[in-house]
Amino acid sequence: MMTDQSQAGGAESGSQSVILDAVAGYFRRRAEHAETEALMLAVAVRQLDQELRAARIEIATLKQGAGDHG
């Protein structure tokens, strides 16, 4: 037969487990969200890098053309 004290300890342990599961779930979702954001930022950086490279090529081409005519 369980005593009141051991029942209280079991209930406390169970509620701690629920709280820990909730906290773990919260941080798991935050980590997943952060990972998704990081991937989206990586894609954006890659696109910007490609645009910068294209702009530099265009500028070099324009400078070369201006040098040919000037």
Protein backbone atom coordinates (compact mmCIF):
# COMPACT_ATOMS: atom_id res chain seq x y z
CA MET A 1 0.00 0.00 0.00
CA MET A 2 1.33 3.43 -0.94
CA THR A 3 1.64 6.12 1.63
CA ASP A 4 0.41 9.63 1.01
CA GLN A 5 4.02 10.78 0.81
CA SER A 6 4.98 8.22 -1.85
CA GLN A 7 1.84 9.03 -3.86
CA ALA A 8 2.69 12.73 -3.70
CA GLY A 9 6.23 11.96 -4.83
CA GLY A 10 4.91 9.95 -7.76
CA ALA A 11 2.53 12.72 -8.76
CA GLU A 12 5.31 15.29 -8.49
CA SER A 13 7.59 13.13 -10.62
CA GLY A 14 4.83 12.72 -13.21
CA SER A 15 4.15 16.45 -13.37
CA GLN A 16 7.88 17.15 -13.70
CA SER A 17 7.99 14.71 -16.59
CA VAL A 18 5.09 16.50 -18.29
CA ILE A 19 6.78 19.86 -17.76
CA LEU A 20 10.11 18.57 -19.07
CA ASP A 21 8.40 17.07 -22.12
CA ALA A 22 6.66 20.39 -22.79
CA VAL A 23 9.90 22.35 -22.42
CA ALA A 24 11.76 19.88 -24.65
CA GLY A 25 9.00 20.16 -27.25
CA TYR A 26 9.16 23.94 -27.14
CA PHE A 27 12.92 24.00 -27.70
CA ARG A 28 12.67 21.30 -30.38
CA ARG A 29 10.18 23.48 -32.29
CA ARG A 30 12.42 26.54 -31.82
CA ALA A 31 15.40 24.59 -33.15
CA GLU A 32 13.41 23.40 -36.17
CA HIS A 33 12.27 26.97 -36.84
CA ALA A 34 15.83 28.26 -36.52
CA GLU A 35 17.06 25.57 -38.90
CA THR A 36 14.39 26.51 -41.45
CA GLU A 37 15.32 30.20 -41.13
CA ALA A 38 19.00 29.37 -41.57
CA LEU A 39 18.26 27.43 -44.76
CA MET A 40 16.13 30.27 -46.12
CA LEU A 41 18.88 32.77 -45.34
CA ALA A 42 21.46 30.55 -47.03
CA VAL A 43 19.30 30.47 -50.17
CA ALA A 44 18.88 34.26 -50.06
CA VAL A 45 22.63 34.78 -49.63
CA ARG A 46 23.34 32.50 -52.57
CA GLN A 47 20.87 34.39 -54.76
CA LEU A 48 22.37 37.73 -53.74
CA ASP A 49 25.86 36.40 -54.46
CA GLN A 50 24.77 35.35 -57.94
CA GLU A 51 23.20 38.77 -58.55
CA LEU A 52 26.38 40.49 -57.35
CA ARG A 53 28.52 38.37 -59.66
CA ALA A 54 26.23 39.17 -62.60
CA ALA A 55 26.35 42.88 -61.77
CA ARG A 56 30.15 42.81 -61.57
CA ILE A 57 30.33 41.10 -64.97
CA GLU A 58 27.97 43.69 -66.43
CA ILE A 59 30.00 46.56 -64.96
CA ALA A 60 33.24 45.09 -66.29
CA THR A 61 31.64 44.67 -69.72
CA LEU A 62 30.39 48.26 -69.70
CA LYS A 63 33.80 49.57 -68.62
CA GLN A 64 35.48 47.56 -71.34
CA GLY A 65 33.01 48.90 -73.91
CA ALA A 66 33.55 52.46 -72.70
CA GLY A 67 37.30 51.97 -72.97
CA ASP A 68 36.95 50.76 -76.54
CA HIS A 69 34.96 53.87 -77.50
CA GLY A 70 36.82 56.43 -75.43
